[in-house]
């Protein structure tokens, strides 16, 4: 009987030790996840800095990218913007051309839809906020992620007819995919419209 009680006590001791070790390991995993998340947040800032260093960026694009940081990163957006201003040429948003009110149709660069993991290369979302994965069909409503030039024709790099603002919508009447330095860039013809 004493031998059985001794074995039972040893078994309970082993089980308790295992539970304690599992709890400690679980807490360490939580700490590691938190550390990894902070490392990821720092990586976001580093990549943003590398993207814009010694380049020109419009403030609307910079603001949109900073606003994409996960809330859990708890970044000071003003400090990040201030830092980017030190290493890049940050331009204020360009005014709309004077004749913008007369523009009823034009073409916009939707972006590089075939580039895997290249959300930065796509200028629009669908009006409901969903990402765009294929050339938009007629009557699709797109919403600008940042300022987007409306041009007279697809890949026409002359002065824009007008500039869509961040969040402004555009109804597609047709789309076209063109080769742009070895990448396929999708363009949409259509008109600026009120967002649904």
N, C-alpha and C. Protein backbone atom coordinates (compact mmCIF):
# COMPACT_ATOMS: atom_id res chain seq x y z
N UNK A 1 0.83 -1.19 0.00
CA UNK A 1 0.00 0.00 0.00
C UNK A 1 0.88 1.25 0.00
N UNK A 2 1.90 1.25 0.84
CA UNK A 2 2.82 2.38 0.91
C UNK A 2 3.54 2.57 -0.42
N UNK A 3 3.88 1.45 -1.04
CA UNK A 3 4.55 1.51 -2.33
C UNK A 3 3.63 2.12 -3.39
N UNK A 4 2.34 1.79 -3.36
CA UNK A 4 1.36 2.33 -4.31
C UNK A 4 1.20 3.83 -4.10
N UNK A 5 1.12 4.25 -2.84
CA UNK A 5 0.99 5.68 -2.54
C UNK A 5 2.24 6.44 -3.00
N UNK A 6 3.37 5.83 -2.83
CA UNK A 6 4.62 6.47 -3.26
C UNK A 6 4.65 6.64 -4.78
N UNK A 7 4.21 5.60 -5.51
CA UNK A 7 4.16 5.69 -6.97
C UNK A 7 3.15 6.74 -7.41
N UNK A 8 2.00 6.78 -6.71
CA UNK A 8 0.97 7.77 -7.03
C UNK A 8 1.49 9.18 -6.79
N UNK A 9 2.20 9.41 -5.71
CA UNK A 9 2.78 10.73 -5.40
C UNK A 9 3.80 11.11 -6.47
N UNK A 10 4.61 10.15 -6.90
CA UNK A 10 5.59 10.43 -7.95
C UNK A 10 4.91 10.80 -9.26
N UNK A 11 3.83 10.07 -9.57
CA UNK A 11 3.08 10.36 -10.80
C UNK A 11 2.46 11.76 -10.75
N UNK A 12 1.87 12.12 -9.62
CA UNK A 12 1.27 13.45 -9.46
C UNK A 12 2.36 14.51 -9.58
N UNK A 13 3.51 14.27 -8.98
CA UNK A 13 4.62 15.21 -9.05
C UNK A 13 5.09 15.39 -10.50
N UNK A 14 5.18 14.31 -11.25
CA UNK A 14 5.59 14.39 -12.65
C UNK A 14 4.55 15.17 -13.46
N UNK A 15 3.27 14.87 -13.22
CA UNK A 15 2.20 15.56 -13.94
C UNK A 15 2.21 17.06 -13.64
N UNK A 16 2.35 17.43 -12.36
CA UNK A 16 2.40 18.85 -11.99
C UNK A 16 3.62 19.53 -12.61
N UNK A 17 4.74 18.83 -12.60
CA UNK A 17 5.95 19.39 -13.22
C UNK A 17 5.73 19.62 -14.71
N UNK A 18 5.08 18.68 -15.36
CA UNK A 18 4.79 18.82 -16.79
C UNK A 18 3.85 19.98 -17.06
N UNK A 19 2.84 20.13 -16.23
CA UNK A 19 1.89 21.24 -16.39
C UNK A 19 2.61 22.57 -16.21
N UNK A 20 3.44 22.66 -15.20
CA UNK A 20 4.20 23.91 -14.95
C UNK A 20 5.11 24.21 -16.13
N UNK A 21 5.82 23.20 -16.64
CA UNK A 21 6.69 23.41 -17.79
C UNK A 21 5.89 23.86 -19.02
N UNK A 22 4.71 23.27 -19.23
CA UNK A 22 3.87 23.64 -20.36
C UNK A 22 3.40 25.09 -20.23
N UNK A 23 3.03 25.50 -19.00
CA UNK A 23 2.59 26.89 -18.78
C UNK A 23 3.73 27.87 -19.03
N UNK A 24 4.91 27.54 -18.57
CA UNK A 24 6.08 28.41 -18.79
C UNK A 24 6.39 28.50 -20.29
N UNK A 25 6.36 27.35 -20.96
CA UNK A 25 6.63 27.34 -22.41
C UNK A 25 5.58 28.16 -23.16
N UNK A 26 4.31 28.04 -22.74
CA UNK A 26 3.23 28.80 -23.38
C UNK A 26 3.44 30.30 -23.18
N UNK A 27 3.84 30.70 -21.98
CA UNK A 27 4.09 32.12 -21.70
C UNK A 27 5.27 32.63 -22.53
N UNK A 28 6.30 31.81 -22.65
CA UNK A 28 7.45 32.20 -23.48
C UNK A 28 7.04 32.34 -24.94
N UNK A 29 6.16 31.46 -25.41
CA UNK A 29 5.68 31.55 -26.80
C UNK A 29 4.91 32.85 -27.01
N UNK A 30 4.04 33.23 -26.01
CA UNK A 30 3.31 34.51 -26.10
C UNK A 30 4.28 35.68 -26.14
N UNK A 31 5.30 35.64 -25.28
CA UNK A 31 6.31 36.71 -25.27
C UNK A 31 7.04 36.77 -26.61
N UNK A 32 7.36 35.60 -27.19
CA UNK A 32 8.06 35.56 -28.47
C UNK A 32 7.17 36.12 -29.57
N UNK A 33 5.86 35.77 -29.53
CA UNK A 33 4.95 36.31 -30.54
C UNK A 33 4.90 37.83 -30.44
N UNK A 34 4.81 38.36 -29.23
CA UNK A 34 4.78 39.82 -29.04
C UNK A 34 6.07 40.43 -29.55
N UNK A 35 7.20 39.80 -29.25
CA UNK A 35 8.49 40.30 -29.73
C UNK A 35 8.53 40.24 -31.26
N UNK A 36 8.08 39.12 -31.84
CA UNK A 36 8.08 38.98 -33.30
C UNK A 36 7.17 40.03 -33.93
N UNK A 37 6.05 40.34 -33.30
CA UNK A 37 5.14 41.35 -33.86
C UNK A 37 5.82 42.71 -33.85
N UNK A 38 6.50 43.05 -32.77
CA UNK A 38 7.20 44.34 -32.71
C UNK A 38 8.33 44.38 -33.75
N UNK A 39 8.98 43.25 -33.97
CA UNK A 39 10.00 43.17 -35.01
C UNK A 39 9.36 43.42 -36.37
N UNK A 40 8.18 42.84 -36.59
CA UNK A 40 7.46 43.05 -37.84
C UNK A 40 7.09 44.52 -38.02
N UNK A 41 6.65 45.17 -36.95
CA UNK A 41 6.30 46.60 -37.02
C UNK A 41 7.53 47.42 -37.40
N UNK A 42 8.66 47.11 -36.79
CA UNK A 42 9.90 47.82 -37.12
C UNK A 42 10.28 47.58 -38.58
N UNK A 43 10.01 46.37 -39.06
CA UNK A 43 10.30 46.04 -40.45
C UNK A 43 9.44 46.87 -41.40
N UNK A 44 8.17 47.12 -41.02
CA UNK A 44 7.30 47.97 -41.84
C UNK A 44 7.91 49.35 -42.02
N UNK A 45 8.40 49.92 -40.93
CA UNK A 45 9.00 51.25 -40.98
C UNK A 45 10.26 51.23 -41.84
N UNK A 46 11.09 50.20 -41.69
CA UNK A 46 12.31 50.09 -42.49
C UNK A 46 12.00 49.98 -43.97
N UNK A 47 10.99 49.17 -44.33
CA UNK A 47 10.64 49.01 -45.74
C UNK A 47 10.06 50.29 -46.32
N UNK A 48 9.26 50.99 -45.54
CA UNK A 48 8.71 52.27 -45.99
C UNK A 48 9.83 53.27 -46.22
N UNK A 49 10.79 53.30 -45.31
CA UNK A 49 11.94 54.20 -45.45
C UNK A 49 12.74 53.85 -46.70
N UNK A 50 13.00 52.58 -46.91
CA UNK A 50 13.78 52.15 -48.08
C UNK A 50 13.05 52.47 -49.38
N UNK A 51 11.74 52.34 -49.37
CA UNK A 51 10.95 52.61 -50.57
C UNK A 51 11.04 54.07 -51.00
N UNK A 52 11.06 55.00 -50.04
CA UNK A 52 10.98 56.42 -50.36
C UNK A 52 12.30 57.17 -50.23
N UNK A 53 13.34 56.53 -49.72
CA UNK A 53 14.61 57.24 -49.52
C UNK A 53 15.11 57.83 -50.84
N UNK A 54 15.42 59.13 -50.79
CA UNK A 54 15.93 59.89 -51.95
C UNK A 54 14.98 59.88 -53.14
N UNK A 55 13.68 59.75 -52.89
CA UNK A 55 12.68 59.75 -53.96
C UNK A 55 11.63 60.81 -53.66
N UNK A 56 10.80 61.08 -54.64
CA UNK A 56 9.68 62.00 -54.46
C UNK A 56 8.42 61.19 -54.21
N UNK A 57 7.65 61.59 -53.21
CA UNK A 57 6.40 60.92 -52.87
C UNK A 57 5.36 61.98 -52.57
N UNK A 58 4.13 61.73 -52.99
CA UNK A 58 3.03 62.64 -52.67
C UNK A 58 2.55 62.34 -51.25
N UNK A 59 2.19 63.37 -50.54
CA UNK A 59 1.76 63.21 -49.15
C UNK A 59 0.58 62.26 -49.03
N UNK A 60 -0.33 62.26 -50.00
CA UNK A 60 -1.50 61.36 -49.92
C UNK A 60 -1.07 59.90 -49.97
N UNK A 61 -0.07 59.58 -50.80
CA UNK A 61 0.41 58.21 -50.87
C UNK A 61 1.11 57.82 -49.57
N UNK A 62 1.94 58.73 -49.06
CA UNK A 62 2.64 58.46 -47.80
C UNK A 62 1.65 58.24 -46.67
N UNK A 63 0.66 59.11 -46.57
CA UNK A 63 -0.36 58.99 -45.52
C UNK A 63 -1.12 57.67 -45.65
N UNK A 64 -1.49 57.32 -46.87
CA UNK A 64 -2.23 56.07 -47.09
C UNK A 64 -1.39 54.87 -46.64
N UNK A 65 -0.10 54.88 -46.94
CA UNK A 65 0.76 53.75 -46.57
C UNK A 65 0.96 53.68 -45.05
N UNK A 66 1.12 54.83 -44.41
CA UNK A 66 1.27 54.84 -42.95
C UNK A 66 -0.01 54.34 -42.30
N UNK A 67 -1.15 54.69 -42.86
CA UNK A 67 -2.44 54.26 -42.29
C UNK A 67 -2.67 52.76 -42.46
N UNK A 68 -1.88 52.09 -43.30
CA UNK A 68 -2.00 50.64 -43.47
C UNK A 68 -1.29 49.86 -42.36
N UNK A 69 -0.49 50.55 -41.54
CA UNK A 69 0.20 49.85 -40.44
C UNK A 69 -0.85 49.23 -39.52
N UNK A 70 -0.64 47.99 -39.08
CA UNK A 70 -1.59 47.38 -38.14
C UNK A 70 -1.73 48.22 -36.87
N UNK A 71 -2.95 48.32 -36.34
CA UNK A 71 -3.20 49.12 -35.15
C UNK A 71 -2.34 48.67 -33.97
N UNK A 72 -2.07 47.37 -33.90
CA UNK A 72 -1.28 46.83 -32.79
C UNK A 72 0.16 47.35 -32.79
N UNK A 73 0.62 47.87 -33.93
CA UNK A 73 1.98 48.41 -33.99
C UNK A 73 2.12 49.65 -33.11
N UNK A 74 1.02 50.34 -32.87
CA UNK A 74 1.04 51.53 -32.01
C UNK A 74 2.14 52.50 -32.43
N UNK A 75 2.19 52.80 -33.73
CA UNK A 75 3.20 53.72 -34.24
C UNK A 75 2.72 55.16 -34.11
N UNK A 76 3.68 56.07 -33.98
CA UNK A 76 3.36 57.48 -33.98
C UNK A 76 3.44 57.93 -35.44
N UNK A 77 2.28 58.11 -36.06
CA UNK A 77 2.23 58.39 -37.50
C UNK A 77 2.92 59.71 -37.84
N UNK A 78 2.81 60.69 -36.97
CA UNK A 78 3.46 61.98 -37.22
C UNK A 78 4.98 61.84 -37.21
N UNK A 79 5.49 61.02 -36.30
CA UNK A 79 6.94 60.81 -36.25
C UNK A 79 7.44 60.09 -37.51
N UNK A 80 6.68 59.10 -37.97
CA UNK A 80 7.09 58.38 -39.19
C UNK A 80 7.06 59.34 -40.37
N UNK A 81 6.00 60.14 -40.49
CA UNK A 81 5.92 61.10 -41.59
C UNK A 81 7.09 62.09 -41.51
N UNK A 82 7.39 62.56 -40.31
CA UNK A 82 8.51 63.49 -40.12
C UNK A 82 9.83 62.86 -40.54
N UNK A 83 10.04 61.60 -40.21
CA UNK A 83 11.26 60.91 -40.59
C UNK A 83 11.35 60.78 -42.11
N UNK A 84 10.24 60.37 -42.75
CA UNK A 84 10.24 60.21 -44.20
C UNK A 84 10.52 61.56 -44.87
N UNK A 85 10.01 62.64 -44.30
CA UNK A 85 10.28 63.98 -44.86
C UNK A 85 11.78 64.30 -44.81
N UNK A 86 12.50 63.73 -43.86
CA UNK A 86 13.94 63.97 -43.78
C UNK A 86 14.72 63.23 -44.86
N UNK A 87 14.21 62.09 -45.31
CA UNK A 87 14.97 61.27 -46.27
C UNK A 87 14.38 61.28 -47.67
N UNK A 88 13.21 61.91 -47.85
CA UNK A 88 12.56 61.91 -49.16
C UNK A 88 12.03 63.31 -49.47
N UNK A 89 11.71 63.51 -50.72
CA UNK A 89 11.07 64.75 -51.15
C UNK A 89 9.56 64.51 -51.10
N UNK A 90 8.89 65.03 -50.06
CA UNK A 90 7.45 64.83 -49.91
C UNK A 90 6.74 66.04 -50.49
N UNK A 91 5.95 65.77 -51.53
CA UNK A 91 5.20 66.84 -52.19
C UNK A 91 3.77 66.84 -51.68
N UNK A 92 3.25 68.03 -51.52
CA UNK A 92 1.85 68.15 -51.17
C UNK A 92 1.04 67.71 -52.38
N UNK A 93 -0.20 67.32 -52.16
CA UNK A 93 -1.04 66.87 -53.27
C UNK A 93 -1.17 67.96 -54.31
N UNK A 94 -1.07 67.56 -55.56
CA UNK A 94 -1.19 68.53 -56.64
C UNK A 94 -2.64 68.98 -56.79
N UNK A 95 -2.83 70.24 -57.10
CA UNK A 95 -4.20 70.69 -57.31
C UNK A 95 -4.77 70.05 -58.56
N UNK A 96 -6.05 69.97 -58.61
CA UNK A 96 -6.70 69.44 -59.80
C UNK A 96 -6.54 70.43 -60.95
N UNK A 97 -6.40 69.95 -62.16
CA UNK A 97 -6.36 70.88 -63.29
C UNK A 97 -7.63 71.73 -63.31
N UNK A 98 -7.52 72.97 -63.82
CA UNK A 98 -8.64 73.90 -63.82
C UNK A 98 -9.87 73.38 -64.55
N UNK A 99 -9.64 72.59 -65.59
CA UNK A 99 -10.78 72.12 -66.39
C UNK A 99 -11.32 70.77 -65.90
N UNK A 100 -10.99 70.39 -64.67
CA UNK A 100 -11.41 69.07 -64.16
C UNK A 100 -12.92 68.91 -64.17
N UNK A 101 -13.65 70.00 -63.96
CA UNK A 101 -15.11 69.91 -63.92
C UNK A 101 -15.66 69.50 -65.28
N UNK A 102 -14.91 69.77 -66.37
CA UNK A 102 -15.37 69.44 -67.72
C UNK A 102 -15.08 67.99 -68.11
N UNK A 103 -14.26 67.29 -67.32
CA UNK A 103 -13.88 65.93 -67.66
C UNK A 103 -15.02 64.98 -67.33
N UNK A 104 -15.44 64.23 -68.33
CA UNK A 104 -16.49 63.25 -68.07
C UNK A 104 -16.00 61.82 -68.23
N UNK A 105 -14.96 61.61 -69.06
CA UNK A 105 -14.41 60.27 -69.24
C UNK A 105 -12.89 60.34 -69.37
N UNK A 106 -12.26 59.21 -69.16
CA UNK A 106 -10.82 59.12 -69.30
C UNK A 106 -10.34 57.74 -68.93
N UNK A 107 -9.02 57.60 -68.79
CA UNK A 107 -8.40 56.32 -68.47
C UNK A 107 -7.57 56.45 -67.21
N UNK A 108 -7.59 55.40 -66.38
CA UNK A 108 -6.78 55.35 -65.16
C UNK A 108 -5.95 54.07 -65.16
N UNK A 109 -4.76 54.14 -64.59
CA UNK A 109 -3.93 52.95 -64.42
C UNK A 109 -4.44 52.20 -63.19
N UNK A 110 -5.06 51.05 -63.42
CA UNK A 110 -5.52 50.23 -62.29
C UNK A 110 -4.31 49.67 -61.57
N UNK A 111 -3.33 49.16 -62.34
CA UNK A 111 -2.09 48.68 -61.74
C UNK A 111 -1.64 47.36 -62.31
N UNK A 112 -0.67 46.77 -61.62
CA UNK A 112 -0.06 45.50 -62.03
C UNK A 112 -0.76 44.36 -61.31
N UNK A 113 -1.83 43.86 -61.90
CA UNK A 113 -2.65 42.85 -61.23
C UNK A 113 -2.00 41.49 -61.17
N UNK A 114 -1.06 41.20 -62.09
CA UNK A 114 -0.45 39.88 -62.13
C UNK A 114 0.77 39.75 -61.23
N UNK A 115 1.17 40.82 -60.56
CA UNK A 115 2.34 40.77 -59.68
C UNK A 115 1.91 40.24 -58.31
N UNK A 116 2.32 39.04 -57.97
CA UNK A 116 1.93 38.40 -56.72
C UNK A 116 2.45 39.19 -55.54
N UNK A 117 1.56 39.48 -54.59
CA UNK A 117 1.96 40.17 -53.36
C UNK A 117 2.33 41.62 -53.60
N UNK A 118 1.84 42.23 -54.67
CA UNK A 118 2.21 43.60 -54.98
C UNK A 118 1.03 44.54 -54.81
N UNK A 119 0.49 44.64 -53.60
CA UNK A 119 -0.64 45.53 -53.34
C UNK A 119 -0.26 46.99 -53.59
N UNK A 120 1.04 47.32 -53.45
CA UNK A 120 1.49 48.68 -53.70
C UNK A 120 1.40 49.04 -55.17
N UNK A 121 1.38 48.07 -56.05
CA UNK A 121 1.33 48.32 -57.48
C UNK A 121 -0.08 48.42 -58.03
N UNK A 122 -1.07 48.45 -57.14
CA UNK A 122 -2.46 48.54 -57.56
C UNK A 122 -3.04 49.82 -56.96
N UNK A 123 -3.56 50.68 -57.81
CA UNK A 123 -4.02 52.01 -57.39
C UNK A 123 -5.44 52.06 -56.83
N UNK A 124 -6.18 50.96 -56.96
CA UNK A 124 -7.59 50.96 -56.58
C UNK A 124 -7.94 49.72 -55.77
N UNK A 125 -9.08 49.81 -55.09
CA UNK A 125 -9.80 48.65 -54.57
C UNK A 125 -11.16 48.67 -55.24
N UNK A 126 -11.91 47.62 -55.07
CA UNK A 126 -13.31 47.69 -55.47
C UNK A 126 -14.00 48.66 -54.52
N UNK A 127 -15.15 49.18 -54.89
CA UNK A 127 -15.83 50.19 -54.07
C UNK A 127 -16.15 49.66 -52.67
N UNK A 128 -16.31 48.34 -52.52
CA UNK A 128 -16.60 47.77 -51.20
C UNK A 128 -15.34 47.52 -50.38
N UNK A 129 -14.17 47.92 -50.92
CA UNK A 129 -12.91 47.76 -50.21
C UNK A 129 -12.17 46.48 -50.52
N UNK A 130 -12.76 45.59 -51.30
CA UNK A 130 -12.11 44.33 -51.65
C UNK A 130 -10.97 44.58 -52.64
N UNK A 131 -9.92 43.75 -52.58
CA UNK A 131 -8.82 43.91 -53.54
C UNK A 131 -9.25 43.52 -54.94
N UNK A 132 -8.54 44.04 -55.92
CA UNK A 132 -8.80 43.73 -57.33
C UNK A 132 -7.81 42.64 -57.76
N UNK A 133 -8.34 41.55 -58.35
CA UNK A 133 -7.48 40.44 -58.75
C UNK A 133 -7.44 40.22 -60.27
N UNK A 134 -8.36 40.84 -60.99
CA UNK A 134 -8.41 40.66 -62.43
C UNK A 134 -8.89 41.95 -63.07
N UNK A 135 -8.68 42.10 -64.37
CA UNK A 135 -9.13 43.32 -65.03
C UNK A 135 -10.63 43.55 -64.75
N UNK A 136 -10.98 44.78 -64.38
CA UNK A 136 -12.38 45.04 -64.02
C UNK A 136 -13.32 44.98 -65.22
N UNK A 137 -14.48 44.44 -65.00
CA UNK A 137 -15.52 44.33 -66.02
C UNK A 137 -16.25 45.68 -66.13
N UNK A 138 -16.94 45.92 -67.27
CA UNK A 138 -17.75 47.13 -67.39
C UNK A 138 -18.75 47.24 -66.24
N UNK A 139 -18.98 48.47 -65.79
CA UNK A 139 -19.87 48.84 -64.68
C UNK A 139 -19.30 48.54 -63.30
N UNK A 140 -18.06 48.04 -63.25
CA UNK A 140 -17.40 47.87 -61.95
C UNK A 140 -17.07 49.25 -61.40
N UNK A 141 -17.28 49.44 -60.11
CA UNK A 141 -16.93 50.71 -59.47
C UNK A 141 -15.64 50.50 -58.69
N UNK A 142 -14.61 51.29 -59.03
CA UNK A 142 -13.32 51.25 -58.35
C UNK A 142 -13.22 52.43 -57.40
N UNK A 143 -12.41 52.27 -56.35
CA UNK A 143 -12.17 53.37 -55.40
C UNK A 143 -10.66 53.59 -55.28
N UNK A 144 -10.24 54.85 -55.47
CA UNK A 144 -8.81 55.19 -55.47
C UNK A 144 -8.21 55.02 -54.08
N UNK A 145 -7.04 54.34 -54.01
CA UNK A 145 -6.32 54.17 -52.74
C UNK A 145 -5.50 55.41 -52.41
N UNK A 146 -5.14 56.17 -53.42
CA UNK A 146 -4.40 57.42 -53.29
C UNK A 146 -4.74 58.25 -54.52
N UNK A 147 -4.13 59.40 -54.69
CA UNK A 147 -4.41 60.20 -55.88
C UNK A 147 -4.05 59.41 -57.13
N UNK A 148 -4.94 59.46 -58.13
CA UNK A 148 -4.71 58.75 -59.38
C UNK A 148 -5.03 59.70 -60.54
N UNK A 149 -4.12 59.79 -61.48
CA UNK A 149 -4.33 60.63 -62.65
C UNK A 149 -5.33 59.99 -63.60
N UNK A 150 -6.23 60.83 -64.14
CA UNK A 150 -7.14 60.40 -65.21
C UNK A 150 -6.54 60.94 -66.50
N UNK A 151 -6.31 60.04 -67.45
CA UNK A 151 -5.61 60.42 -68.67
C UNK A 151 -6.52 60.28 -69.88
N UNK A 152 -6.11 60.90 -70.97
CA UNK A 152 -6.91 60.90 -72.19
C UNK A 152 -7.03 59.50 -72.78
N UNK A 153 -5.98 58.69 -72.66
CA UNK A 153 -5.97 57.33 -73.20
C UNK A 153 -5.08 56.46 -72.31
N UNK A 154 -5.21 55.15 -72.46
CA UNK A 154 -4.37 54.23 -71.69
C UNK A 154 -2.90 54.49 -72.02
N UNK A 155 -2.07 54.58 -70.99
CA UNK A 155 -0.62 54.78 -71.12
C UNK A 155 -0.28 56.08 -71.86
N UNK A 156 -1.16 57.05 -71.82
CA UNK A 156 -0.88 58.37 -72.39
C UNK A 156 -0.29 59.22 -71.27
N UNK A 157 1.00 59.49 -71.36
CA UNK A 157 1.70 60.14 -70.25
C UNK A 157 1.70 61.66 -70.35
N UNK A 158 0.88 62.21 -71.27
CA UNK A 158 0.74 63.67 -71.31
C UNK A 158 0.08 64.12 -70.01
N UNK A 159 -0.04 65.42 -69.85
CA UNK A 159 -0.66 65.98 -68.64
C UNK A 159 -2.00 65.31 -68.37
N UNK A 160 -2.30 65.04 -67.10
CA UNK A 160 -3.58 64.39 -66.79
C UNK A 160 -4.75 65.33 -67.06
N UNK A 161 -5.90 64.72 -67.37
CA UNK A 161 -7.12 65.49 -67.55
C UNK A 161 -7.64 65.98 -66.21
N UNK A 162 -7.45 65.15 -65.21
CA UNK A 162 -7.85 65.47 -63.84
C UNK A 162 -7.15 64.50 -62.90
N UNK A 163 -7.33 64.68 -61.60
CA UNK A 163 -6.74 63.81 -60.60
C UNK A 163 -7.85 63.33 -59.67
N UNK A 164 -8.00 62.00 -59.56
CA UNK A 164 -8.94 61.44 -58.59
C UNK A 164 -8.35 61.62 -57.20
N UNK A 165 -9.16 61.97 -56.24
CA UNK A 165 -8.72 62.10 -54.86
C UNK A 165 -8.71 60.74 -54.18
N UNK A 166 -8.06 60.66 -53.03
CA UNK A 166 -8.10 59.43 -52.24
C UNK A 166 -9.56 59.13 -51.92
N UNK A 167 -9.98 57.90 -52.19
CA UNK A 167 -11.34 57.48 -51.88
C UNK A 167 -12.36 57.80 -52.96
N UNK A 168 -11.98 58.54 -53.99
CA UNK A 168 -12.92 58.87 -55.05
C UNK A 168 -13.17 57.64 -55.92
N UNK A 169 -14.38 57.54 -56.46
CA UNK A 169 -14.75 56.36 -57.24
C UNK A 169 -14.72 56.63 -58.74
N UNK A 170 -14.61 55.53 -59.48
CA UNK A 170 -14.48 55.57 -60.94
C UNK A 170 -15.24 54.37 -61.50
N UNK A 171 -16.20 54.63 -62.41
CA UNK A 171 -16.98 53.53 -63.02
C UNK A 171 -16.27 53.10 -64.31
N UNK A 172 -16.02 51.82 -64.44
CA UNK A 172 -15.31 51.25 -65.59
C UNK A 172 -16.29 51.01 -66.73
N UNK A 173 -15.89 51.44 -67.94
CA UNK A 173 -16.66 51.11 -69.15
C UNK A 173 -15.91 50.09 -70.00
N UNK A 174 -14.58 50.07 -69.87
CA UNK A 174 -13.76 49.10 -70.59
C UNK A 174 -12.41 49.00 -69.89
N UNK A 175 -11.69 47.92 -70.16
CA UNK A 175 -10.34 47.79 -69.59
C UNK A 175 -9.40 47.22 -70.64
N UNK A 176 -8.12 47.46 -70.41
CA UNK A 176 -7.10 47.04 -71.36
C UNK A 176 -5.84 46.72 -70.56
N UNK A 177 -5.13 45.68 -70.94
CA UNK A 177 -3.88 45.33 -70.28
C UNK A 177 -2.75 45.51 -71.28
N UNK A 178 -1.74 46.29 -70.88
CA UNK A 178 -0.63 46.64 -71.76
C UNK A 178 0.69 46.21 -71.13
N UNK A 179 1.69 45.95 -71.99
CA UNK A 179 3.03 45.64 -71.50
C UNK A 179 3.71 46.93 -71.06
N UNK A 180 4.22 46.94 -69.84
CA UNK A 180 4.94 48.10 -69.31
C UNK A 180 6.26 47.60 -68.75
N UNK A 181 7.30 47.69 -69.56
CA UNK A 181 8.64 47.27 -69.15
C UNK A 181 8.65 45.82 -68.65
N UNK A 182 7.96 44.95 -69.37
CA UNK A 182 7.98 43.54 -69.03
C UNK A 182 6.92 43.11 -68.04
N UNK A 183 6.15 44.05 -67.50
CA UNK A 183 5.05 43.70 -66.61
C UNK A 183 3.74 44.09 -67.29
N UNK A 184 2.69 43.38 -66.98
CA UNK A 184 1.40 43.67 -67.59
C UNK A 184 0.64 44.64 -66.68
N UNK A 185 0.35 45.83 -67.22
CA UNK A 185 -0.34 46.88 -66.47
C UNK A 185 -1.76 47.01 -67.00
N UNK A 186 -2.72 46.97 -66.08
CA UNK A 186 -4.13 47.08 -66.45
C UNK A 186 -4.58 48.53 -66.36
N UNK A 187 -5.28 48.96 -67.40
CA UNK A 187 -5.86 50.30 -67.47
C UNK A 187 -7.37 50.16 -67.58
N UNK A 188 -8.09 51.15 -67.05
CA UNK A 188 -9.55 51.15 -67.15
C UNK A 188 -10.02 52.48 -67.72
N UNK A 189 -10.88 52.37 -68.72
CA UNK A 189 -11.55 53.56 -69.25
C UNK A 189 -12.88 53.70 -68.56
N UNK A 190 -13.28 54.93 -68.34
CA UNK A 190 -14.57 55.14 -67.68
C UNK A 190 -14.73 56.58 -67.23
N UNK A 191 -15.43 56.74 -66.11
CA UNK A 191 -15.75 58.08 -65.65
C UNK A 191 -15.75 58.16 -64.12
N UNK A 192 -15.38 59.31 -63.58
CA UNK A 192 -15.49 59.51 -62.14
C UNK A 192 -16.97 59.53 -61.76
N UNK A 193 -17.30 58.88 -60.67
CA UNK A 193 -18.69 58.84 -60.18
C UNK A 193 -18.70 58.96 -58.66
N UNK A 194 -19.87 59.23 -58.13
CA UNK A 194 -20.04 59.22 -56.67
C UNK A 194 -19.94 57.78 -56.19
N UNK A 195 -19.33 57.59 -55.05
CA UNK A 195 -19.20 56.23 -54.50
C UNK A 195 -20.55 55.73 -54.00
N UNK A 196 -20.80 54.43 -54.17
CA UNK A 196 -22.07 53.87 -53.68
C UNK A 196 -22.16 53.88 -52.16
